[in-house]
Amino acid sequence: MKIRVLIALIIPFLLVVSCSPVKIYTEKSELNYEKSYKTFAIINQYKGKNAWNSPVLDQNLVHNLTEGMKEMGYEPDRNSPDLILRYNTLLSEGEKEVSQYPGSMWGYGMYNPWMYRMPYPYWGNPTKLEKYDLGELVIDFIDPRADQVILRISAVGEVNNPKQKYKNIKISVEKILHEFSKKVEAG
């Protein structure tokens, strides 16, 4: 009985995680595994520039980063941190090809020209270009004593509406901090 409940809880979680709209990239990894980092501070790379030009999104980003670092056992310290998290967000436009008609040349199922669902004649698979916004969150983990970036992790995802930006910021921070914790534990 317990196994069934556990499986019923794990399967939806795996589906949600596997269909995540955010991809993570580690661009630089020069983490010094002998050092133990205990405190942190969060700064914006461009002072006065909010995350995706929204003060609310900027506050959410800083809050999520702070809470995530606290959960991993780090303490905030603005005066002399062991680790500085410097963030930057980018928003760019992109285009993708989208198929206008799903299915094969003859519609769905097996071949039957009398049950054809699309306007006749229909040869090929016409596509159209669809515009979208691509949001990127870049976090540099900086060792202030060495004055160098020791780890850079970025999260990239499609953001087409404000609600999706809020969701992607939370997911991006969780995935970036998870990647950071994996790198720290590997040492």
Protein backbone atom coordinates (compact mmCIF):
# COMPACT_ATOMS: atom_id res chain seq x y z
CA MET A 1 0.00 0.00 0.00
CA LYS A 2 2.81 2.42 0.88
CA ILE A 3 4.60 1.64 -2.36
CA ARG A 4 1.49 2.51 -4.40
CA VAL A 5 1.12 5.82 -2.61
CA LEU A 6 4.81 6.57 -3.12
CA ILE A 7 4.60 5.73 -6.82
CA ALA A 8 1.44 7.84 -7.16
CA LEU A 9 3.35 10.79 -5.70
CA ILE A 10 6.59 10.29 -7.64
CA ILE A 11 5.10 9.88 -11.15
CA PRO A 12 3.41 13.32 -11.28
CA PHE A 13 6.57 14.92 -9.87
CA LEU A 14 8.71 13.30 -12.57
CA LEU A 15 6.28 14.42 -15.27
CA VAL A 16 6.41 18.00 -14.05
CA VAL A 17 10.21 17.98 -13.76
CA SER A 18 10.75 16.38 -17.16
CA CYS A 19 8.48 18.89 -18.89
CA SER A 20 10.15 21.90 -17.33
CA PRO A 21 10.24 25.00 -19.54
CA VAL A 22 13.69 25.99 -18.24
CA LYS A 23 17.07 24.62 -19.35
CA ILE A 24 20.24 24.97 -17.23
CA TYR A 25 23.75 25.60 -18.55
CA THR A 26 27.00 25.63 -16.57
CA GLU A 27 29.35 27.98 -18.35
CA LYS A 28 32.28 28.18 -15.95
CA SER A 29 33.32 25.95 -13.09
CA GLU A 30 36.47 26.77 -11.15
CA LEU A 31 35.09 25.92 -7.74
CA ASN A 32 37.76 25.58 -5.05
CA TYR A 33 36.66 22.51 -3.11
CA GLU A 34 39.09 23.09 -0.22
CA LYS A 35 37.32 26.28 0.78
CA SER A 36 34.16 26.07 2.79
CA TYR A 37 31.68 28.78 2.05
CA LYS A 38 29.37 29.65 4.93
CA THR A 39 28.03 33.15 4.19
CA PHE A 40 26.71 34.83 1.05
CA ALA A 41 25.53 38.14 -0.37
CA ILE A 42 23.37 38.79 -3.42
CA ILE A 43 24.03 41.69 -5.79
CA ASN A 44 22.67 42.82 -9.13
CA GLN A 45 25.28 42.98 -11.89
CA TYR A 46 23.76 46.20 -13.22
CA LYS A 47 22.78 48.40 -10.29
CA GLY A 48 19.36 49.97 -10.85
CA LYS A 49 18.33 47.49 -13.57
CA ASN A 50 15.53 45.21 -12.39
CA ALA A 51 15.08 41.59 -13.42
CA TRP A 52 13.30 41.66 -16.77
CA ASN A 53 12.52 45.36 -16.15
CA SER A 54 10.15 44.60 -13.27
CA PRO A 55 10.81 45.57 -9.64
CA VAL A 56 8.42 42.84 -8.44
CA LEU A 57 10.26 40.14 -10.42
CA ASP A 58 13.54 41.49 -9.07
CA GLN A 59 12.28 41.22 -5.47
CA ASN A 60 11.01 37.68 -6.14
CA LEU A 61 14.36 36.69 -7.62
CA VAL A 62 16.34 38.01 -4.65
CA HIS A 63 13.87 36.46 -2.18
CA ASN A 64 14.00 33.05 -3.89
CA LEU A 65 17.81 33.14 -4.02
CA THR A 66 18.06 34.13 -0.35
CA GLU A 67 15.63 31.47 0.83
CA GLY A 68 17.25 28.79 -1.33
CA MET A 69 20.71 29.56 0.00
CA LYS A 70 19.40 29.58 3.60
CA GLU A 71 17.82 26.14 3.04
CA MET A 72 21.22 24.83 1.94
CA GLY A 73 22.76 26.08 5.21
CA TYR A 74 24.34 29.38 4.11
CA GLU A 75 23.86 32.57 6.12
CA PRO A 76 23.36 36.01 4.56
CA ASP A 77 26.16 38.49 5.31
CA ARG A 78 26.32 41.83 3.44
CA ASN A 79 29.58 43.01 5.05
CA SER A 80 32.09 40.18 4.53
CA PRO A 81 30.53 37.24 2.66
CA ASP A 82 32.44 34.11 1.72
CA LEU A 83 30.48 33.92 -1.54
CA ILE A 84 28.80 36.59 -3.68
CA LEU A 85 25.90 35.71 -5.96
CA ARG A 86 25.77 38.25 -8.79
CA TYR A 87 22.74 38.01 -11.06
CA ASN A 88 21.73 39.39 -14.42
CA THR A 89 18.63 38.84 -16.54
CA LEU A 90 18.30 39.11 -20.30
CA LEU A 91 15.20 39.14 -22.48
CA SER A 92 15.50 38.57 -26.22
CA GLU A 93 13.11 37.90 -29.06
CA GLY A 94 13.17 34.69 -31.05
CA GLU A 95 11.26 32.97 -33.81
CA LYS A 96 10.32 29.35 -34.25
CA GLU A 97 8.62 27.38 -36.99
CA VAL A 98 5.23 26.01 -36.03
CA SER A 99 3.29 23.50 -38.09
CA GLN A 100 -0.14 24.82 -39.03
CA TYR A 101 -1.67 21.41 -39.59
CA PRO A 102 -1.03 18.47 -37.30
CA GLY A 103 -0.87 14.99 -38.64
CA SER A 104 0.25 13.50 -41.91
CA MET A 105 -0.56 14.51 -45.47
CA TRP A 106 -3.88 12.66 -45.32
CA GLY A 107 -4.97 13.70 -41.83
CA TYR A 108 -5.06 11.31 -38.91
CA GLY A 109 -5.05 7.56 -38.98
CA MET A 110 -4.80 5.36 -42.05
CA TYR A 111 -5.00 6.53 -45.65
CA ASN A 112 -8.55 7.32 -46.78
CA PRO A 113 -8.93 10.26 -49.21
CA TRP A 114 -12.73 10.46 -48.67
CA MET A 115 -12.28 11.15 -44.95
CA TYR A 116 -9.66 13.83 -45.52
CA ARG A 117 -10.00 16.61 -42.90
CA MET A 118 -7.81 19.39 -44.33
CA PRO A 119 -8.60 21.61 -47.34
CA TYR A 120 -7.87 19.74 -50.55
CA PRO A 121 -5.33 19.71 -52.19
CA TYR A 122 -2.90 19.59 -49.28
CA TRP A 123 0.65 18.71 -50.18
CA GLY A 124 3.46 18.97 -47.71
CA ASN A 125 3.36 20.43 -44.24
CA PRO A 126 3.06 24.25 -44.31
CA THR A 127 4.59 26.07 -41.38
CA LYS A 128 4.43 29.58 -40.01
CA LEU A 129 6.87 31.61 -37.96
CA GLU A 130 5.85 32.39 -34.40
CA LYS A 131 7.59 35.02 -32.28
CA TYR A 132 8.39 34.44 -28.62
CA ASP A 133 10.46 35.99 -25.83
CA LEU A 134 13.43 34.11 -24.46
CA GLY A 135 14.32 34.91 -20.86
CA GLU A 136 17.73 34.17 -19.42
CA LEU A 137 18.88 34.34 -15.81
CA VAL A 138 22.66 34.29 -15.27
CA ILE A 139 24.12 33.85 -11.80
CA ASP A 140 27.83 34.24 -11.12
CA PHE A 141 29.14 32.70 -7.92
CA ILE A 142 32.10 34.88 -6.95
CA ASP A 143 34.82 34.25 -4.39
CA PRO A 144 35.53 37.78 -3.08
CA ARG A 145 38.88 36.81 -1.53
CA ALA A 146 40.22 35.53 -4.86
CA ASP A 147 38.22 38.21 -6.73
CA GLN A 148 37.12 35.78 -9.44
CA VAL A 149 34.02 34.08 -10.77
CA ILE A 150 34.25 30.48 -9.62
CA LEU A 151 30.99 29.25 -11.13
CA ARG A 152 28.55 30.64 -13.70
CA ILE A 153 25.18 28.98 -14.19
CA SER A 154 22.48 30.25 -16.50
CA ALA A 155 18.85 29.28 -16.93
CA VAL A 156 17.06 29.84 -20.22
CA GLY A 157 13.35 29.53 -20.89
CA GLU A 158 10.54 30.81 -23.06
CA VAL A 159 8.51 33.59 -21.43
CA ASN A 160 5.50 34.96 -23.27
CA ASN A 161 3.43 36.43 -20.45
CA PRO A 162 4.01 37.92 -16.97
CA LYS A 163 2.62 34.86 -15.17
CA GLN A 164 5.14 32.65 -16.97
CA LYS A 165 7.97 35.02 -15.94
CA TYR A 166 7.07 34.59 -12.25
CA LYS A 167 6.94 30.82 -12.64
CA ASN A 168 10.20 30.64 -14.61
CA ILE A 169 12.09 32.78 -12.07
CA LYS A 170 11.15 30.37 -9.28
CA ILE A 171 12.00 27.29 -11.36
CA SER A 172 15.25 28.87 -12.62
CA VAL A 173 16.46 29.71 -9.11
CA GLU A 174 15.62 26.22 -7.85
CA LYS A 175 17.46 24.55 -10.73
CA ILE A 176 20.50 26.85 -10.50
CA LEU A 177 20.83 26.31 -6.75
CA HIS A 178 20.39 22.56 -7.23
CA GLU A 179 23.20 22.60 -9.80
CA PHE A 180 25.34 24.66 -7.41
CA SER A 181 24.75 22.20 -4.56
CA LYS A 182 25.71 19.29 -6.83
CA LYS A 183 28.97 21.03 -7.72
CA VAL A 184 29.75 21.77 -4.05
CA GLU A 185 28.95 18.19 -2.96
CA ALA A 186 31.09 16.74 -5.76
CA GLY A 187 34.18 18.26 -4.17
